[in-house]
Protein backbone atom coordinates (compact mmCIF):
# COMPACT_ATOMS: atom_id res chain seq x y z
CA MET A 1 -0.05 -0.14 -0.03
CA SER A 2 1.69 3.32 -0.85
CA LYS A 3 1.85 5.35 2.02
CA GLN A 4 0.67 8.90 0.57
CA THR A 5 0.78 12.21 2.97
CA LEU A 6 -1.22 15.18 2.29
CA GLU A 7 -0.51 18.85 3.90
CA ALA A 8 -3.59 20.22 4.80
CA LYS A 9 -4.76 23.84 6.90
CA LEU A 10 -8.14 24.53 8.98
CA ARG A 11 -10.01 26.93 7.02
CA THR A 12 -12.10 29.99 8.90
CA ALA A 13 -13.29 31.39 5.91
CA THR A 14 -16.11 29.79 4.19
CA GLY A 15 -18.71 30.90 1.19
CA LYS A 16 -18.21 31.56 -2.45
CA THR A 17 -15.50 34.58 -2.23
CA ALA A 18 -13.29 32.88 0.08
CA ALA A 19 -13.21 30.11 -1.90
CA LYS A 20 -12.92 31.76 -5.36
CA ASN A 21 -9.67 33.71 -2.92
CA LEU A 22 -8.41 30.19 -2.28
CA ARG A 23 -8.24 28.69 -5.49
CA LYS A 24 -6.51 32.26 -6.46
CA GLU A 25 -4.28 31.21 -4.57
CA GLY A 26 -3.54 27.94 -5.53
CA ARG A 27 -5.31 26.17 -2.73
CA ILE A 28 -8.45 24.02 -3.03
CA PRO A 29 -11.29 23.89 -0.79
CA ALA A 30 -12.31 20.99 0.93
CA VAL A 31 -14.04 19.38 3.73
CA VAL A 32 -13.24 16.32 6.40
CA TYR A 33 -16.09 14.24 7.29
CA ASN A 34 -15.49 11.71 10.38
CA SER A 35 -17.54 8.62 11.30
CA LYS A 36 -20.52 10.97 13.42
CA GLY A 37 -20.84 12.93 10.03
CA GLU A 38 -19.24 15.74 11.65
CA ALA A 39 -17.54 18.59 8.99
CA THR A 40 -14.35 20.44 9.32
CA SER A 41 -13.58 22.86 6.88
CA ILE A 42 -10.04 22.68 5.13
CA GLU A 43 -7.92 23.65 2.49
CA VAL A 44 -5.24 21.76 0.56
CA GLY A 45 -2.70 22.41 -2.31
CA GLU A 46 -3.81 22.13 -5.42
CA VAL A 47 -0.52 20.36 -6.95
CA GLU A 48 -0.33 18.09 -3.88
CA PHE A 49 -3.88 16.99 -4.34
CA ASN A 50 -3.84 16.31 -8.17
CA LYS A 51 -0.14 14.23 -8.03
CA ILE A 52 -2.72 12.10 -5.48
CA TRP A 53 -5.69 12.12 -6.61
CA ARG A 54 -4.97 11.58 -10.10
CA THR A 55 -3.42 8.22 -9.28
CA ILE A 56 -5.53 6.69 -6.60
CA THR A 57 -8.23 3.96 -6.26
CA PRO A 58 -11.14 4.51 -4.49
CA THR A 59 -10.21 1.98 -1.96
CA THR A 60 -6.56 4.10 -1.39
CA SER A 61 -6.19 5.48 2.47
CA ILE A 62 -4.26 8.32 2.39
CA THR A 63 -2.42 10.37 5.42
CA LEU A 64 -4.25 13.88 5.72
CA ASN A 65 -1.89 15.83 8.20
CA VAL A 66 -4.27 18.95 9.14
CA ASP A 67 -2.38 21.30 11.17
CA GLY A 68 -0.19 18.61 12.33
CA LYS A 69 -2.75 16.19 13.16
CA GLU A 70 -2.55 13.42 10.99
CA SER A 71 -5.63 10.54 10.29
CA LEU A 72 -6.02 7.78 7.59
CA ALA A 73 -8.72 9.26 5.05
CA LEU A 74 -10.31 8.46 1.65
CA ILE A 75 -11.24 11.06 -0.95
CA LYS A 76 -14.86 10.59 -1.30
CA ASP A 77 -15.76 12.92 -3.88
CA VAL A 78 -14.56 15.62 -5.87
CA GLU A 79 -16.05 18.90 -7.64
CA TYR A 80 -14.06 19.26 -11.16
CA ASN A 81 -14.80 21.95 -13.92
CA ILE A 82 -13.70 20.00 -17.00
CA ARG A 83 -13.76 22.77 -19.16
CA ASN A 84 -10.11 24.06 -17.62
CA ASP A 85 -9.05 21.05 -16.08
CA LYS A 86 -9.28 22.31 -12.28
CA VAL A 87 -10.37 20.72 -8.99
CA LEU A 88 -12.89 23.21 -7.31
CA HIS A 89 -13.50 21.13 -3.81
CA ALA A 90 -12.84 18.11 -2.27
CA ASP A 91 -14.53 15.92 -0.02
CA PHE A 92 -12.18 13.24 2.61
CA PHE A 93 -13.65 10.98 4.79
CA ALA A 94 -11.67 10.19 8.09
CA PRO A 95 -13.35 7.20 9.90
CA ASP A 96 -12.39 5.68 13.18
CA ALA A 97 -9.04 3.45 12.55
CA ASP A 98 -11.01 0.47 14.48
CA GLU A 99 -14.21 1.05 11.71
CA LYS A 100 -15.23 -1.44 9.33
CA LEU A 101 -15.94 0.20 5.86
CA VAL A 102 -17.88 -1.55 3.06
CA MET A 103 -16.59 -0.70 -0.32
CA LYS A 104 -16.86 -2.02 -3.96
CA ILE A 105 -13.41 -2.92 -5.36
CA LYS A 106 -12.39 -3.46 -9.08
CA ILE A 107 -10.73 -6.65 -9.76
CA HIS A 108 -7.76 -6.13 -12.20
CA TYR A 109 -6.97 -9.55 -14.48
CA THR A 110 -3.74 -10.60 -15.31
CA GLY A 111 -2.75 -13.57 -17.49
CA THR A 112 -4.37 -15.12 -20.65
CA PRO A 113 -6.13 -18.41 -19.62
CA ALA A 114 -4.52 -21.56 -20.85
CA GLY A 115 -8.30 -22.49 -21.92
CA VAL A 116 -8.02 -19.82 -24.11
CA LEU A 117 -4.99 -20.98 -25.70
CA LYS A 118 -6.62 -24.60 -25.95
CA GLY A 119 -9.34 -22.70 -28.22
CA GLY A 120 -11.62 -21.59 -25.42
CA PHE A 121 -13.48 -18.52 -25.09
CA LYS A 122 -12.97 -16.24 -22.05
CA LYS A 123 -15.76 -14.22 -20.90
CA GLU A 124 -15.52 -11.67 -17.86
CA ARG A 125 -18.69 -12.17 -15.99
CA ASN A 126 -17.93 -9.85 -13.16
CA ASN A 127 -15.34 -7.59 -11.77
CA GLU A 128 -16.10 -5.94 -9.08
CA ILE A 129 -16.64 -7.67 -5.62
CA LYS A 130 -17.92 -5.97 -2.19
CA ILE A 131 -15.57 -6.26 1.27
CA LYS A 132 -15.48 -4.91 4.61
CA ALA A 133 -12.35 -4.09 5.83
CA ALA A 134 -11.17 -1.21 8.81
CA ILE A 135 -9.01 2.08 6.38
CA ALA A 136 -5.63 0.74 7.20
CA ASP A 137 -6.60 -2.47 5.85
CA LEU A 138 -8.45 -1.41 2.53
CA PRO A 139 -6.75 -3.07 -0.72
CA GLU A 140 -6.01 0.04 -2.76
CA THR A 141 -6.34 -2.79 -5.74
CA ILE A 142 -6.71 -6.74 -6.56
CA THR A 143 -5.10 -8.15 -9.10
CA ALA A 144 -6.00 -11.73 -10.06
CA ASP A 145 -3.68 -14.12 -12.37
CA ILE A 146 -6.17 -16.11 -14.06
CA SER A 147 -3.97 -17.84 -16.40
CA GLY A 148 -4.73 -21.34 -14.73
CA ILE A 149 -8.08 -21.41 -15.73
CA ASN A 150 -8.86 -24.15 -18.44
CA VAL A 151 -12.08 -24.90 -20.96
CA SER A 152 -15.25 -25.31 -18.88
CA GLU A 153 -13.36 -23.81 -15.70
CA ALA A 154 -14.08 -20.53 -13.70
CA LEU A 155 -12.47 -18.10 -11.10
CA ARG A 156 -14.54 -17.63 -8.35
CA VAL A 157 -14.66 -15.14 -5.58
CA LYS A 158 -13.62 -17.76 -3.34
CA ASP A 159 -10.28 -18.24 -5.24
CA LEU A 160 -9.12 -14.69 -4.93
CA LYS A 161 -5.62 -14.18 -2.57
CA LEU A 162 -6.85 -11.99 0.12
CA ASP A 163 -5.00 -10.40 3.29
CA SER A 164 -7.14 -11.97 6.41
CA LYS A 165 -8.31 -8.40 7.74
CA VAL A 166 -10.41 -7.95 4.40
CA GLU A 167 -13.76 -9.81 5.00
CA VAL A 168 -15.40 -10.29 1.20
CA LEU A 169 -19.35 -10.10 1.31
CA THR A 170 -19.70 -11.16 -2.19
CA SER A 171 -20.87 -14.74 -2.85
CA ALA A 172 -17.63 -16.84 -2.30
CA GLU A 173 -19.09 -18.67 -5.55
CA LEU A 174 -19.45 -16.09 -8.11
CA PRO A 175 -17.71 -16.56 -11.23
CA LEU A 176 -15.90 -13.77 -11.95
CA VAL A 177 -14.31 -15.39 -15.12
CA THR A 178 -15.30 -18.32 -17.09
CA VAL A 179 -13.69 -20.21 -20.13
CA SER A 180 -16.13 -21.86 -22.26
CA PRO A 181 -15.49 -24.30 -24.82
CA ALA A 182 -15.28 -23.65 -28.64
CA ARG A 183 -18.25 -23.64 -30.53
CA GLY A 184 -18.13 -26.72 -33.04
């Protein structure tokens, strides 16, 4: 898991004018929500935020350092202007360290199934599963090697290699990738 830190400052001035002034200074107005739904207004550097935001997945936790106080957080939502390629506002979620989060995560497949090399057809049936884990244990990505799948076989959710701290909520028997025989 890549540990990325984003420096932030508490923000006292709010509203449209304050937000516009922040953006002129190269800062992005943002809000951090905690598990109780309480919001804290902050500001982050535009360059630093973009470096992180453009390279992470929805389950990547970052260390948010607000005036010296660090907490693990997820980037939950970003308001973005497509005309000028600028981030207008960001929402962060900083849950309690022991709180279990339910998230959907995409699965990336690598390799060519053995069954395809023998003339079968690969079909990706599902590429997303639902998991439950504390923020520090969330996997950034799940990668599955499908090169061992033969004709008439499937990679199922139970075949994924995940950390023991990650609970899978999706049915263990759900097929993710199947290889069907060639129609003859």
